[in-house]
Amino acid sequence: MPVFWNSVSEFVAMGGYGDYVWGAYGVTLMAIVIEVLALRLRSRRLGTPAQRALGAGQS
């Protein structure tokens, strides 16, 4: 059964479930952004594999 909306506000409302749908999208997007930022910070802190190998040999 296809769903058609007559306006953008009907689409955003999603038949009364818009808060849940858009909230879920928002939480998911926020989790992805946080994960990407955490990975970048961890990568910068650890350095590249080549840098770690060079650093380990100097001790």
Protein backbone atom coordinates (compact mmCIF):
# COMPACT_ATOMS: atom_id res chain seq x y z
CA MET A 1 0.00 0.00 0.00
CA PRO A 2 1.76 3.18 -1.16
CA VAL A 3 1.88 6.24 1.07
CA PHE A 4 1.42 9.72 -0.37
CA TRP A 5 1.73 13.02 1.45
CA ASN A 6 0.00 16.20 0.35
CA SER A 7 2.54 18.54 1.95
CA VAL A 8 5.96 18.65 3.52
CA SER A 9 4.43 19.09 6.97
CA GLU A 10 2.45 15.85 6.53
CA PHE A 11 5.68 14.10 5.55
CA VAL A 12 7.52 15.45 8.59
CA ALA A 13 4.62 14.48 10.88
CA MET A 14 4.67 10.91 9.47
CA GLY A 15 1.10 10.23 10.53
CA GLY A 16 1.80 11.20 14.14
CA TYR A 17 5.01 9.17 14.43
CA GLY A 18 7.37 11.88 13.15
CA ASP A 19 8.87 12.59 16.58
CA TYR A 20 9.95 8.96 16.94
CA VAL A 21 11.14 8.57 13.35
CA TRP A 22 13.14 11.80 13.19
CA GLY A 23 14.41 11.29 16.73
CA ALA A 24 15.76 7.87 15.76
CA TYR A 25 17.46 9.36 12.71
CA GLY A 26 18.93 12.12 14.87
CA VAL A 27 20.30 9.74 17.50
CA THR A 28 21.78 7.49 14.81
CA LEU A 29 23.43 10.41 13.03
CA MET A 30 24.83 11.71 16.31
CA ALA A 31 26.27 8.28 17.16
CA ILE A 32 27.94 8.02 13.74
CA VAL A 33 29.45 11.52 14.04
CA ILE A 34 30.75 10.79 17.56
CA GLU A 35 32.28 7.51 16.38
CA VAL A 36 34.03 9.15 13.43
CA LEU A 37 35.42 11.90 15.66
CA ALA A 38 36.59 9.35 18.24
CA LEU A 39 38.34 7.32 15.54
CA ARG A 40 40.10 10.42 14.22
CA LEU A 41 41.29 11.41 17.69
CA ARG A 42 42.53 7.88 18.39
CA SER A 43 44.30 7.75 15.02
CA ARG A 44 46.07 11.06 15.63
CA ARG A 45 47.09 10.01 19.12
CA LEU A 46 48.53 6.67 17.96
CA GLY A 47 50.07 7.88 14.71
CA THR A 48 50.47 5.83 11.55
CA PRO A 49 51.80 2.25 11.65
CA ALA A 50 55.06 3.45 10.06
CA GLN A 51 55.50 6.13 12.72
CA ARG A 52 54.85 3.59 15.48
CA ALA A 53 57.41 1.19 13.98
CA LEU A 54 60.05 3.92 13.76
CA GLY A 55 59.32 5.09 17.29
CA ALA A 56 59.54 1.58 18.73
CA GLY A 57 63.02 1.06 17.31
CA GLN A 58 64.44 4.21 18.94
CA SER A 59 63.84 3.13 22.54
